[in-house]
Amino acid sequence: MISTTKNHFLLLIFAHTLILPISFSILTVNDNKKLQMPWDLDICYTLMPETTVHITHILGQNVVLNVHCKSKDDDLGEQVLTQGISYEFRFRPNFWGTTLFFCNFSWEGRSQSCTIYEYNRDIDRCCDICMWSVDSTGVHGYNKHTGKADVSICPW
């Protein structure tokens, strides 16, 4: 009984002196006097939130875009998009950070397959919502924080 109490006491001391100060050292107070992580992506690294990939067709009127996305485990089927129409799918990145989705895009005799979500590339730039547009130059990914295109893949 004394040994068990001693072990609990040592664990409490350890948590109090090492773990709690480390945990609180990453927190800051923002302008609204609320605690927040020092980066904007804390939820992405702590909770592995559901991620949405959103693809918008901006190739022009009268152009049909075929999109077929899949991962190693899931085939999401073929989607047919017209100007201004979007397609999106949702998933939860795996614990190991190896989640990968790729899509085949085809329109007017052109076809290109590219990686639409790769954990290591996308966790910092889009985390829980990854916005992509498809135009006549390729597929462009937008940074969630800046709203600007920061990745271009699949040049035609």
C-alpha atoms as a PDB file:
ATOM      1  CA  MET A   1       0.000   0.000   0.000  1.00  0.00           C
ATOM      2  CA  ILE A   2       2.799   2.434   0.885  1.00  0.00           C
ATOM      3  CA  SER A   3       4.607   1.497  -2.344  1.00  0.00           C
ATOM      4  CA  THR A   4       1.491   2.222  -4.427  1.00  0.00           C
ATOM      5  CA  THR A   5       0.933   5.554  -2.708  1.00  0.00           C
ATOM      6  CA  LYS A   6       4.590   6.434  -3.233  1.00  0.00           C
ATOM      7  CA  ASN A   7       4.332   5.569  -6.953  1.00  0.00           C
ATOM      8  CA  HIS A   8       1.223   7.739  -7.353  1.00  0.00           C
ATOM      9  CA  PHE A   9       2.938  10.590  -5.540  1.00  0.00           C
ATOM     10  CA  LEU A  10       6.008  10.312  -7.798  1.00  0.00           C
ATOM     11  CA  LEU A  11       3.789  10.278 -10.878  1.00  0.00           C
ATOM     12  CA  LEU A  12       1.978  13.377  -9.639  1.00  0.00           C
ATOM     13  CA  ILE A  13       5.290  15.168  -9.021  1.00  0.00           C
ATOM     14  CA  PHE A  14       6.513  14.154 -12.505  1.00  0.00           C
ATOM     15  CA  ALA A  15       3.335  15.452 -14.158  1.00  0.00           C
ATOM     16  CA  HIS A  16       3.436  18.672 -12.193  1.00  0.00           C
ATOM     17  CA  THR A  17       7.098  19.464 -12.829  1.00  0.00           C
ATOM     18  CA  LEU A  18       7.605  18.268 -16.376  1.00  0.00           C
ATOM     19  CA  ILE A  19       4.452  17.641 -18.397  1.00  0.00           C
ATOM     20  CA  LEU A  20       2.244  20.552 -17.297  1.00  0.00           C
ATOM     21  CA  PRO A  21       4.872  23.277 -17.829  1.00  0.00           C
ATOM     22  CA  ILE A  22       5.634  21.905 -21.293  1.00  0.00           C
ATOM     23  CA  SER A  23       1.926  21.777 -22.160  1.00  0.00           C
ATOM     24  CA  PHE A  24       1.265  25.341 -21.059  1.00  0.00           C
ATOM     25  CA  SER A  25       4.442  26.703 -22.626  1.00  0.00           C
ATOM     26  CA  ILE A  26       2.983  26.239 -26.116  1.00  0.00           C
ATOM     27  CA  LEU A  27      -0.135  28.223 -25.269  1.00  0.00           C
ATOM     28  CA  THR A  28      -0.307  31.971 -25.779  1.00  0.00           C
ATOM     29  CA  VAL A  29      -2.925  34.628 -25.163  1.00  0.00           C
ATOM     30  CA  ASN A  30      -4.300  36.286 -28.281  1.00  0.00           C
ATOM     31  CA  ASP A  31      -5.731  39.815 -28.608  1.00  0.00           C
ATOM     32  CA  ASN A  32      -9.140  38.596 -27.443  1.00  0.00           C
ATOM     33  CA  LYS A  33      -7.616  37.302 -24.203  1.00  0.00           C
ATOM     34  CA  LYS A  34      -8.247  33.689 -25.192  1.00  0.00           C
ATOM     35  CA  LEU A  35      -5.699  30.908 -25.029  1.00  0.00           C
ATOM     36  CA  GLN A  36      -4.512  29.625 -28.376  1.00  0.00           C
ATOM     37  CA  MET A  37      -1.694  27.620 -29.846  1.00  0.00           C
ATOM     38  CA  PRO A  38       1.177  29.642 -31.357  1.00  0.00           C
ATOM     39  CA  TRP A  39       0.309  28.399 -34.836  1.00  0.00           C
ATOM     40  CA  ASP A  40      -3.005  28.404 -36.648  1.00  0.00           C
ATOM     41  CA  LEU A  41      -3.025  24.680 -37.297  1.00  0.00           C
ATOM     42  CA  ASP A  42      -3.269  23.278 -33.779  1.00  0.00           C
ATOM     43  CA  ILE A  43      -6.418  21.284 -34.503  1.00  0.00           C
ATOM     44  CA  CYS A  44      -4.709  19.596 -37.455  1.00  0.00           C
ATOM     45  CA  TYR A  45      -1.885  18.260 -35.337  1.00  0.00           C
ATOM     46  CA  THR A  46      -3.842  17.373 -32.232  1.00  0.00           C
ATOM     47  CA  LEU A  47      -7.178  15.944 -33.341  1.00  0.00           C
ATOM     48  CA  MET A  48      -6.662  14.694 -36.913  1.00  0.00           C
ATOM     49  CA  PRO A  49      -9.866  16.386 -38.065  1.00  0.00           C
ATOM     50  CA  GLU A  50     -11.884  15.267 -41.024  1.00  0.00           C
ATOM     51  CA  THR A  51     -10.426  16.724 -44.212  1.00  0.00           C
ATOM     52  CA  THR A  52     -12.473  17.894 -47.186  1.00  0.00           C
ATOM     53  CA  VAL A  53     -10.990  18.029 -50.681  1.00  0.00           C
ATOM     54  CA  HIS A  54     -12.964  20.493 -52.806  1.00  0.00           C
ATOM     55  CA  ILE A  55     -12.384  20.572 -56.594  1.00  0.00           C
ATOM     56  CA  THR A  56     -13.940  23.294 -58.789  1.00  0.00           C
ATOM     57  CA  HIS A  57     -14.186  23.224 -62.593  1.00  0.00           C
ATOM     58  CA  ILE A  58     -13.212  26.586 -64.147  1.00  0.00           C
ATOM     59  CA  LEU A  59     -12.251  25.378 -67.623  1.00  0.00           C
ATOM     60  CA  GLY A  60     -14.955  27.392 -69.339  1.00  0.00           C
ATOM     61  CA  GLN A  61     -18.450  26.988 -70.716  1.00  0.00           C
ATOM     62  CA  ASN A  62     -19.311  23.895 -72.744  1.00  0.00           C
ATOM     63  CA  VAL A  63     -16.311  21.978 -71.369  1.00  0.00           C
ATOM     64  CA  VAL A  64     -17.007  18.753 -69.500  1.00  0.00           C
ATOM     65  CA  LEU A  65     -14.445  17.674 -66.909  1.00  0.00           C
ATOM     66  CA  ASN A  66     -14.322  14.056 -65.778  1.00  0.00           C
ATOM     67  CA  VAL A  67     -12.809  13.515 -62.332  1.00  0.00           C
ATOM     68  CA  HIS A  68     -12.026  10.101 -60.872  1.00  0.00           C
ATOM     69  CA  CYS A  69     -10.449  10.119 -57.389  1.00  0.00           C
ATOM     70  CA  LYS A  70      -9.229   7.243 -55.254  1.00  0.00           C
ATOM     71  CA  SER A  71      -6.860   6.159 -52.539  1.00  0.00           C
ATOM     72  CA  LYS A  72      -5.224   2.813 -51.937  1.00  0.00           C
ATOM     73  CA  ASP A  73      -8.381   1.672 -50.147  1.00  0.00           C
ATOM     74  CA  ASP A  74     -11.228   3.729 -51.604  1.00  0.00           C
ATOM     75  CA  ASP A  75     -12.396   4.295 -55.169  1.00  0.00           C
ATOM     76  CA  LEU A  76     -14.673   7.341 -55.105  1.00  0.00           C
ATOM     77  CA  GLY A  77     -16.029   6.804 -58.608  1.00  0.00           C
ATOM     78  CA  GLU A  78     -16.129   9.072 -61.622  1.00  0.00           C
ATOM     79  CA  GLN A  79     -17.688  12.526 -61.401  1.00  0.00           C
ATOM     80  CA  VAL A  80     -18.751  14.673 -64.352  1.00  0.00           C
ATOM     81  CA  LEU A  81     -18.395  18.430 -63.811  1.00  0.00           C
ATOM     82  CA  THR A  82     -19.387  21.429 -65.901  1.00  0.00           C
ATOM     83  CA  GLN A  83     -18.249  25.060 -65.569  1.00  0.00           C
ATOM     84  CA  GLY A  84     -18.502  26.329 -61.987  1.00  0.00           C
ATOM     85  CA  ILE A  85     -19.592  22.983 -60.573  1.00  0.00           C
ATOM     86  CA  SER A  86     -17.613  21.515 -57.701  1.00  0.00           C
ATOM     87  CA  TYR A  87     -16.981  18.051 -56.357  1.00  0.00           C
ATOM     88  CA  GLU A  88     -15.821  17.297 -52.858  1.00  0.00           C
ATOM     89  CA  PHE A  89     -15.045  14.303 -50.713  1.00  0.00           C
ATOM     90  CA  ARG A  90     -14.191  13.841 -47.057  1.00  0.00           C
ATOM     91  CA  PHE A  91     -11.886  11.553 -45.134  1.00  0.00           C
ATOM     92  CA  ARG A  92      -9.899  11.405 -41.930  1.00  0.00           C
ATOM     93  CA  PRO A  93      -6.095  11.292 -42.390  1.00  0.00           C
ATOM     94  CA  ASN A  94      -4.517   8.232 -40.835  1.00  0.00           C
ATOM     95  CA  PHE A  95      -2.433   8.327 -37.660  1.00  0.00           C
ATOM     96  CA  TRP A  96       0.843   7.616 -39.507  1.00  0.00           C
ATOM     97  CA  GLY A  97       0.568  10.633 -41.807  1.00  0.00           C
ATOM     98  CA  THR A  98       0.616   8.562 -44.987  1.00  0.00           C
ATOM     99  CA  THR A  99      -2.837   9.410 -46.341  1.00  0.00           C
ATOM    100  CA  LEU A 100      -2.765   9.818 -50.111  1.00  0.00           C
ATOM    101  CA  PHE A 101      -5.519  10.479 -52.656  1.00  0.00           C
ATOM    102  CA  PHE A 102      -5.009  10.913 -56.363  1.00  0.00           C
ATOM    103  CA  CYS A 103      -7.385  11.933 -59.129  1.00  0.00           C
ATOM    104  CA  ASN A 104      -7.492  11.452 -62.856  1.00  0.00           C
ATOM    105  CA  PHE A 105      -8.731  14.540 -64.697  1.00  0.00           C
ATOM    106  CA  SER A 106      -9.823  14.349 -68.329  1.00  0.00           C
ATOM    107  CA  TRP A 107     -11.377  16.868 -70.687  1.00  0.00           C
ATOM    108  CA  GLU A 108     -11.437  17.345 -74.468  1.00  0.00           C
ATOM    109  CA  GLY A 109      -9.013  14.498 -75.163  1.00  0.00           C
ATOM    110  CA  ARG A 110      -6.558  15.475 -72.428  1.00  0.00           C
ATOM    111  CA  SER A 111      -5.952  13.320 -69.398  1.00  0.00           C
ATOM    112  CA  GLN A 112      -3.719  13.695 -66.389  1.00  0.00           C
ATOM    113  CA  SER A 113      -3.423  11.845 -63.088  1.00  0.00           C
ATOM    114  CA  CYS A 114      -2.063  13.644 -60.039  1.00  0.00           C
ATOM    115  CA  THR A 115      -1.883  13.547 -56.271  1.00  0.00           C
ATOM    116  CA  ILE A 116      -4.747  15.664 -54.948  1.00  0.00           C
ATOM    117  CA  TYR A 117      -4.013  15.053 -51.250  1.00  0.00           C
ATOM    118  CA  GLU A 118      -0.729  14.055 -49.690  1.00  0.00           C
ATOM    119  CA  TYR A 119      -0.519  14.433 -45.923  1.00  0.00           C
ATOM    120  CA  ASN A 120       3.042  15.779 -45.770  1.00  0.00           C
ATOM    121  CA  ARG A 121       2.416  18.365 -48.493  1.00  0.00           C
ATOM    122  CA  ASP A 122      -1.059  19.428 -47.420  1.00  0.00           C
ATOM    123  CA  ILE A 123      -1.236  19.349 -43.610  1.00  0.00           C
ATOM    124  CA  ASP A 124       0.292  22.827 -43.271  1.00  0.00           C
ATOM    125  CA  ARG A 125      -1.309  24.468 -46.291  1.00  0.00           C
ATOM    126  CA  CYS A 126      -4.884  23.281 -46.069  1.00  0.00           C
ATOM    127  CA  CYS A 127      -5.370  20.942 -43.096  1.00  0.00           C
ATOM    128  CA  ASP A 128      -9.142  20.469 -42.860  1.00  0.00           C
ATOM    129  CA  ILE A 129     -10.257  21.899 -46.216  1.00  0.00           C
ATOM    130  CA  CYS A 130      -8.156  21.627 -49.369  1.00  0.00           C
ATOM    131  CA  MET A 131      -9.457  23.812 -52.193  1.00  0.00           C
ATOM    132  CA  TRP A 132      -8.462  23.029 -55.788  1.00  0.00           C
ATOM    133  CA  SER A 133      -9.442  24.548 -59.125  1.00  0.00           C
ATOM    134  CA  VAL A 134      -9.032  23.006 -62.553  1.00  0.00           C
ATOM    135  CA  ASP A 135      -8.338  25.385 -65.437  1.00  0.00           C
ATOM    136  CA  SER A 136      -6.686  25.205 -68.863  1.00  0.00           C
ATOM    137  CA  THR A 137      -3.176  25.345 -67.345  1.00  0.00           C
ATOM    138  CA  GLY A 138      -3.588  22.595 -64.750  1.00  0.00           C
ATOM    139  CA  VAL A 139      -4.828  21.926 -61.237  1.00  0.00           C
ATOM    140  CA  HIS A 140      -4.143  24.579 -58.603  1.00  0.00           C
ATOM    141  CA  GLY A 141      -4.280  24.234 -54.816  1.00  0.00           C
ATOM    142  CA  TYR A 142      -5.120  27.168 -52.574  1.00  0.00           C
ATOM    143  CA  ASN A 143      -3.567  27.890 -49.204  1.00  0.00           C
ATOM    144  CA  LYS A 144      -6.265  27.950 -46.533  1.00  0.00           C
ATOM    145  CA  HIS A 145      -4.564  30.780 -44.659  1.00  0.00           C
ATOM    146  CA  THR A 146      -3.741  33.135 -47.546  1.00  0.00           C
ATOM    147  CA  GLY A 147      -6.461  32.207 -50.047  1.00  0.00           C
ATOM    148  CA  LYS A 148      -3.821  32.225 -52.788  1.00  0.00           C
ATOM    149  CA  ALA A 149      -2.820  29.411 -55.122  1.00  0.00           C
ATOM    150  CA  ASP A 150       0.373  27.918 -53.744  1.00  0.00           C
ATOM    151  CA  VAL A 151       0.552  24.516 -55.446  1.00  0.00           C
ATOM    152  CA  SER A 152       0.161  23.767 -59.146  1.00  0.00           C
ATOM    153  CA  ILE A 153       0.008  20.161 -60.270  1.00  0.00           C
ATOM    154  CA  CYS A 154      -0.989  18.332 -63.429  1.00  0.00           C
ATOM    155  CA  PRO A 155       0.060  20.808 -66.101  1.00  0.00           C
ATOM    156  CA  TRP A 156      -1.749  20.018 -69.331  1.00  0.00           C
END
